[in-house]
Amino acid sequence: VLHTAAGQDFLLSRAASVMASQNEPPPDGLRVLVCGSAAPLPTVGRAQACLAVLTPDHYFVIDAGSGSANNLGLARLPNESLDGILLTHYHSDHITDIPTINVISLAGGRQGPLKIYGPDGVESIVDGFNAAYALDRQYRTAHHGEDFMPIAFGVLEAFQFPEETTIEFGDLTITSFVVDHSPIHPAVGYRFDYKGRSVVIAGDTIVTERLYEMVDDADLLLSDALSQPIVKALEAAAAASGQPRLNHILEDIQDYHASVTDVAELTRSSGVGITALYHMVPGPRNVVMENVFKREIEDNMLLTEDGMWFTLPVGSNDILID
């Protein structure tokens, strides 16, 4: 079957039917997709920072690192109804795939410009991408037609807000809060509350009192996490092999990401239900690195992988993971 034209065409037809079929409506609740679980250091099979948060009526992407748009496409999310992208800060590994997500959701049928939410500086990000992709918008509209892909819908639209703010979308409340990613400023995290269920996304930060306040009664925390043993080993290896620039970078990154140890203490000391580590520094490349991360975590902590789903049904305390 695999080596004949008729067999290949049959399998292609079946696969295309599955790809074109509609997903079953999910149960009422909060759902979170890990669409990027790694930091900038190269990691096989992991995109850079990205999470998607969905309710039956709303869909937001939080950060959009390199490779995350591909994972969003593979997850067959309702990109035509994407409400917007929320940015925690403006490092390249959190914004790179914004233009690709814009094109994917526009091709899917999104009505109107894609909204990009963030604290001070978001207008600069949006203006830069809009300028860089001006020709791309023209090409796509010329190819597919103004009725199908209006050029006005291809632009990004900036929504700047104070670092500490609350935005309501029906039953969904999104609260931004200050985090400490010094010297990067501004930098924020987000809390999502929906019908009694809650998710906190820490963004890039060390553990702070404000983070404790935001996660204390949350069902699920998604936190960045730096493994000191792994980074220290890489730092020493870089120094020994005559790579001073890599050595310098590895030394610098240790003071503005939450260590696994600190996140474990936060988990122990707060009322959070489950803590899931993403934006792992560095993203584990093998089982040894995974085990180094795991030896510091609590029983209600886990390492994420790209494509992992968390489902928090309304009227329940369950957190389903697949």
Protein backbone atom coordinates (compact mmCIF):
# COMPACT_ATOMS: atom_id res chain seq x y z
CA VAL A 1 0.00 0.00 0.00
CA LEU A 2 2.80 2.40 0.88
CA HIS A 3 4.65 1.82 -2.38
CA THR A 4 1.86 2.04 -4.98
CA ALA A 5 0.22 5.15 -6.34
CA ALA A 6 -3.26 3.80 -5.59
CA GLY A 7 -2.32 2.92 -2.03
CA GLN A 8 -0.66 6.27 -1.42
CA ASP A 9 -3.67 8.13 -2.80
CA PHE A 10 -6.02 6.11 -0.57
CA LEU A 11 -3.98 6.87 2.55
CA LEU A 12 -3.69 10.54 1.59
CA SER A 13 -7.45 10.76 1.18
CA ARG A 14 -8.07 9.20 4.58
CA ALA A 15 -5.49 11.45 6.27
CA ALA A 16 -6.91 14.57 4.59
CA SER A 17 -10.42 13.68 5.81
CA VAL A 18 -9.14 13.38 9.38
CA MET A 19 -7.27 16.70 9.12
CA ALA A 20 -10.34 18.46 7.75
CA SER A 21 -12.74 17.06 10.34
CA GLN A 22 -13.93 19.25 13.20
CA ASN A 23 -12.79 18.62 16.76
CA GLU A 24 -15.45 17.65 19.28
CA PRO A 25 -16.49 20.64 21.44
CA PRO A 26 -14.51 20.51 24.70
CA PRO A 27 -16.25 20.50 28.10
CA ASP A 28 -16.84 23.82 29.82
CA GLY A 29 -13.68 24.88 31.58
CA LEU A 30 -10.20 26.31 31.21
CA ARG A 31 -7.81 24.55 28.84
CA VAL A 32 -4.09 25.21 28.44
CA LEU A 33 -1.86 24.01 25.61
CA VAL A 34 1.91 24.07 25.93
CA CYS A 35 2.95 25.31 22.48
CA GLY A 36 6.53 26.08 23.50
CA SER A 37 8.40 24.72 26.52
CA ALA A 38 12.03 25.75 25.92
CA ALA A 39 14.24 28.78 26.47
CA PRO A 40 16.51 30.23 23.73
CA LEU A 41 19.21 27.53 24.12
CA PRO A 42 18.62 25.07 21.23
CA THR A 43 16.55 22.04 22.22
CA VAL A 44 15.37 19.25 19.90
CA GLY A 45 11.59 18.89 19.80
CA ARG A 46 10.82 21.98 21.87
CA ALA A 47 9.67 25.37 20.59
CA GLN A 48 10.42 28.56 22.49
CA ALA A 49 8.04 30.03 25.06
CA CYS A 50 4.36 29.82 24.19
CA LEU A 51 1.13 28.85 25.93
CA ALA A 52 -2.46 28.91 24.71
CA VAL A 53 -5.39 29.40 27.08
CA LEU A 54 -8.92 28.56 25.93
CA THR A 55 -12.49 28.62 27.21
CA PRO A 56 -15.49 27.64 25.08
CA ASP A 57 -15.81 31.29 23.99
CA HIS A 58 -12.27 32.67 24.08
CA TYR A 59 -8.78 31.78 22.91
CA PHE A 60 -5.58 33.62 23.79
CA VAL A 61 -1.93 32.88 23.06
CA ILE A 62 0.63 33.94 25.67
CA ASP A 63 4.00 34.69 24.07
CA ALA A 64 5.04 33.35 20.69
CA GLY A 65 8.58 32.04 20.59
CA SER A 66 10.23 30.45 17.58
CA GLY A 67 8.52 27.22 16.50
CA SER A 68 5.35 27.84 18.48
CA ALA A 69 3.21 28.72 15.46
CA ASN A 70 3.87 25.24 14.05
CA ASN A 71 2.67 23.65 17.30
CA LEU A 72 -0.47 25.79 17.31
CA GLY A 73 -1.22 24.64 13.77
CA LEU A 74 -0.66 20.97 14.61
CA ALA A 75 -3.02 21.29 17.59
CA ARG A 76 -5.84 22.30 15.21
CA LEU A 77 -6.93 25.18 17.42
CA PRO A 78 -9.70 27.56 16.31
CA ASN A 79 -7.22 30.10 14.96
CA GLU A 80 -9.95 31.94 13.10
CA SER A 81 -11.36 33.00 16.49
CA LEU A 82 -8.05 33.91 18.14
CA ASP A 83 -8.80 36.80 20.51
CA GLY A 84 -5.22 37.98 20.68
CA ILE A 85 -1.66 37.41 21.84
CA LEU A 86 -0.65 38.44 25.37
CA LEU A 87 3.04 39.23 25.77
CA THR A 88 4.90 38.90 29.06
CA HIS A 89 7.92 40.90 27.83
CA TYR A 90 9.79 41.59 24.62
CA HIS A 91 12.73 39.20 24.45
CA SER A 92 13.06 37.69 20.98
CA ASP A 93 12.23 34.16 22.17
CA HIS A 94 8.78 35.42 23.23
CA ILE A 95 7.77 37.34 20.09
CA THR A 96 9.43 35.74 17.04
CA ASP A 97 6.41 33.80 15.74
CA ILE A 98 3.85 36.60 16.06
CA PRO A 99 3.81 37.24 12.26
CA THR A 100 3.30 33.55 11.45
CA ILE A 101 0.44 33.22 13.93
CA ASN A 102 -1.03 36.34 12.36
CA VAL A 103 -0.99 34.77 8.89
CA ILE A 104 -2.33 31.41 10.10
CA SER A 105 -5.29 32.97 11.89
CA LEU A 106 -6.01 35.34 9.00
CA ALA A 107 -6.01 32.46 6.51
CA GLY A 108 -8.34 30.60 8.88
CA GLY A 109 -10.90 33.40 8.63
CA ARG A 110 -10.10 35.78 11.48
CA GLN A 111 -12.16 38.94 11.22
CA GLY A 112 -10.20 42.12 11.90
CA PRO A 113 -6.60 42.83 12.88
CA LEU A 114 -4.87 40.52 15.33
CA LYS A 115 -4.71 42.15 18.77
CA ILE A 116 -1.37 42.15 20.58
CA TYR A 117 -1.64 42.90 24.31
CA GLY A 118 1.22 43.97 26.53
CA PRO A 119 2.67 46.60 28.86
CA ASP A 120 4.67 49.65 27.78
CA GLY A 121 6.59 48.89 24.59
CA VAL A 122 3.99 46.76 22.82
CA GLU A 123 3.31 49.52 20.29
CA SER A 124 6.98 49.46 19.25
CA ILE A 125 6.82 45.69 18.70
CA VAL A 126 3.62 45.97 16.66
CA ASP A 127 4.84 48.90 14.58
CA GLY A 128 8.04 47.03 13.76
CA PHE A 129 6.29 43.86 12.64
CA ASN A 130 3.70 45.81 10.66
CA ALA A 131 6.49 47.61 8.79
CA ALA A 132 8.52 44.46 8.21
CA TYR A 133 5.54 42.50 6.85
CA ALA A 134 3.93 45.24 4.73
CA LEU A 135 4.95 43.53 1.49
CA ASP A 136 3.85 40.13 2.77
CA ARG A 137 0.35 41.51 3.39
CA GLN A 138 0.22 42.92 -0.12
CA TYR A 139 1.38 39.64 -1.68
CA ARG A 140 -1.18 37.51 0.16
CA THR A 141 -4.08 39.80 -0.63
CA ALA A 142 -3.03 40.01 -4.28
CA HIS A 143 -2.86 36.22 -4.47
CA HIS A 144 -6.03 35.28 -2.59
CA GLY A 145 -8.17 38.36 -3.15
CA GLU A 146 -9.35 41.26 -1.00
CA ASP A 147 -12.60 39.48 -0.12
CA PHE A 148 -10.80 36.38 1.14
CA MET A 149 -7.82 38.02 2.90
CA PRO A 150 -8.48 41.75 3.35
CA ILE A 151 -5.22 43.63 3.64
CA ALA A 152 -6.63 45.65 6.56
CA PHE A 153 -7.10 42.43 8.55
CA GLY A 154 -3.45 41.48 8.08
CA VAL A 155 -2.08 44.20 10.34
CA LEU A 156 -1.38 43.81 14.04
CA GLU A 157 -3.16 46.08 16.51
CA ALA A 158 -1.46 47.06 19.78
CA PHE A 159 -3.30 47.20 23.11
CA GLN A 160 -1.08 48.64 25.82
CA PHE A 161 -2.11 48.33 29.46
CA PRO A 162 -0.59 49.09 32.90
CA GLU A 163 1.55 46.30 34.31
CA GLU A 164 -1.06 45.68 37.03
CA THR A 165 -4.45 45.53 35.35
CA THR A 166 -7.57 43.40 34.92
CA ILE A 167 -9.39 42.75 31.64
CA GLU A 168 -12.74 40.96 31.45
CA PHE A 169 -14.03 38.93 28.52
CA GLY A 170 -17.43 37.66 29.63
CA ASP A 171 -16.84 34.94 32.25
CA LEU A 172 -13.07 35.09 31.69
CA THR A 173 -10.99 37.51 33.75
CA ILE A 174 -7.34 38.12 32.86
CA THR A 175 -5.16 39.83 35.46
CA SER A 176 -1.64 41.00 34.64
CA PHE A 177 0.88 41.47 37.43
CA VAL A 178 4.46 42.66 37.81
CA VAL A 179 7.25 40.08 37.77
CA ASP A 180 10.99 40.50 38.28
CA HIS A 181 13.05 39.77 35.18
CA SER A 182 15.54 42.56 35.89
CA PRO A 183 17.07 44.30 34.06
CA ILE A 184 14.24 43.60 31.61
CA HIS A 185 11.40 46.03 32.24
CA PRO A 186 8.48 45.92 31.94
CA ALA A 187 7.78 42.24 32.50
CA VAL A 188 4.47 40.73 33.60
CA GLY A 189 2.73 37.47 34.36
CA TYR A 190 -0.95 36.64 33.83
CA ARG A 191 -3.68 35.03 35.87
CA PHE A 192 -6.78 33.59 34.17
CA ASP A 193 -9.97 33.07 36.20
CA TYR A 194 -13.00 31.34 34.70
CA LYS A 195 -16.05 30.08 36.58
CA GLY A 196 -14.09 29.11 39.68
CA ARG A 197 -11.03 27.68 37.90
CA SER A 198 -7.71 29.50 37.71
CA VAL A 199 -4.39 29.37 35.88
CA VAL A 200 -1.32 31.52 36.55
CA ILE A 201 1.40 32.02 33.94
CA ALA A 202 4.48 33.44 35.60
CA GLY A 203 6.38 34.46 32.48
CA ASP A 204 10.11 35.00 32.96
CA THR A 205 10.83 35.94 36.57
CA ILE A 206 12.48 35.09 39.81
CA VAL A 207 10.13 34.11 42.63
CA THR A 208 8.69 37.24 44.26
CA GLU A 209 6.14 38.07 46.95
CA ARG A 210 3.76 39.25 44.22
CA LEU A 211 4.00 35.86 42.53
CA TYR A 212 3.21 34.18 45.85
CA GLU A 213 0.08 36.35 46.11
CA MET A 214 -1.09 35.49 42.61
CA VAL A 215 -0.65 31.71 42.87
CA ASP A 216 -1.78 31.07 46.45
CA ASP A 217 -5.25 29.73 45.56
CA ALA A 218 -4.65 28.91 41.90
CA ASP A 219 -5.39 25.51 40.39
CA LEU A 220 -2.45 25.51 38.01
CA LEU A 221 0.82 27.44 37.82
CA LEU A 222 2.99 27.43 34.71
CA SER A 223 6.41 28.74 35.65
CA ASP A 224 9.76 29.25 34.02
CA ALA A 225 12.48 27.20 35.66
CA LEU A 226 16.27 27.23 35.55
CA SER A 227 18.22 24.14 36.59
CA GLN A 228 21.25 25.41 38.49
CA PRO A 229 23.10 22.05 38.31
CA ILE A 230 22.75 21.87 34.52
CA VAL A 231 23.58 25.51 33.84
CA LYS A 232 26.57 25.40 36.20
CA ALA A 233 27.87 22.30 34.40
CA LEU A 234 27.45 23.97 31.00
CA GLU A 235 29.11 27.13 32.29
CA ALA A 236 32.15 25.19 33.49
CA ALA A 237 32.36 23.27 30.21
CA ALA A 238 32.22 26.49 28.20
CA ALA A 239 35.03 27.99 30.27
CA ALA A 240 37.17 24.86 29.97
CA SER A 241 36.70 24.65 26.20
CA GLY A 242 37.65 28.27 25.53
CA GLN A 243 34.19 29.70 24.85
CA PRO A 244 34.21 32.88 26.93
CA ARG A 245 31.12 34.41 25.35
CA LEU A 246 28.98 31.33 26.03
CA ASN A 247 30.45 31.18 29.53
CA HIS A 248 29.47 34.83 30.09
CA ILE A 249 25.89 34.27 28.88
CA LEU A 250 25.43 31.18 31.04
CA GLU A 251 26.64 33.12 34.05
CA ASP A 252 24.32 36.06 33.35
CA ILE A 253 21.09 34.09 32.91
CA GLN A 254 21.20 32.61 36.40
CA ASP A 255 19.99 35.73 38.21
CA TYR A 256 16.80 36.52 36.29
CA HIS A 257 15.05 33.16 36.02
CA ALA A 258 13.39 31.26 38.86
CA SER A 259 15.47 28.28 39.88
CA VAL A 260 13.77 24.89 40.12
CA THR A 261 14.54 24.95 43.85
CA ASP A 262 12.77 28.29 44.34
CA VAL A 263 9.75 27.20 42.30
CA ALA A 264 9.55 24.03 44.41
CA GLU A 265 9.56 26.14 47.58
CA LEU A 266 6.81 28.35 46.11
CA THR A 267 4.78 25.23 45.34
CA ARG A 268 5.27 23.84 48.86
CA SER A 269 4.43 27.11 50.58
CA SER A 270 1.43 28.18 48.53
CA GLY A 271 -1.98 26.68 47.89
CA VAL A 272 -1.38 26.02 44.20
CA GLY A 273 -2.76 22.70 42.95
CA ILE A 274 -0.18 21.75 40.30
CA THR A 275 2.97 23.51 39.13
CA ALA A 276 4.08 22.78 35.58
CA LEU A 277 7.53 23.89 34.45
CA TYR A 278 7.91 25.39 30.99
CA HIS A 279 10.47 27.77 29.49
CA MET A 280 12.99 25.40 31.01
CA VAL A 281 16.56 26.69 31.09
CA PRO A 282 17.93 24.78 29.35
CA GLY A 283 15.24 22.67 27.72
CA PRO A 284 16.02 19.04 28.59
CA ARG A 285 17.63 17.21 25.67
CA ASN A 286 17.67 13.74 27.18
CA VAL A 287 16.50 11.65 30.11
CA VAL A 288 19.53 12.58 32.20
CA MET A 289 18.72 16.28 31.97
CA GLU A 290 15.06 15.56 32.68
CA ASN A 291 16.03 13.64 35.81
CA VAL A 292 18.22 16.50 37.02
CA PHE A 293 15.21 18.81 36.77
CA LYS A 294 12.98 16.25 38.48
CA ARG A 295 15.22 15.62 41.47
CA GLU A 296 14.39 19.10 42.81
CA ILE A 297 10.62 19.10 42.28
CA GLU A 298 7.65 18.32 44.51
CA ASP A 299 5.06 15.57 43.97
CA ASN A 300 2.58 18.10 42.54
CA MET A 301 5.11 19.42 40.02
CA LEU A 302 5.91 18.20 36.51
CA LEU A 303 7.95 19.03 33.43
CA THR A 304 5.97 20.02 30.37
CA GLU A 305 6.45 18.93 26.78
CA ASP A 306 5.30 20.64 23.61
CA GLY A 307 1.76 19.54 22.80
CA MET A 308 0.80 18.84 26.43
CA TRP A 309 -2.77 19.79 27.39
CA PHE A 310 -4.18 20.76 30.79
CA THR A 311 -7.97 20.72 31.17
CA LEU A 312 -9.68 22.27 34.21
CA PRO A 313 -13.40 21.40 34.04
CA VAL A 314 -15.89 23.80 35.64
CA GLY A 315 -17.53 22.44 38.81
CA SER A 316 -14.60 20.18 39.62
CA ASN A 317 -11.17 20.30 41.24
CA ASP A 318 -9.74 17.97 38.62
CA ILE A 319 -6.81 18.90 36.38
CA LEU A 320 -6.67 16.53 33.43
CA ILE A 321 -3.31 16.18 31.66
CA ASP A 322 -2.70 14.70 28.24
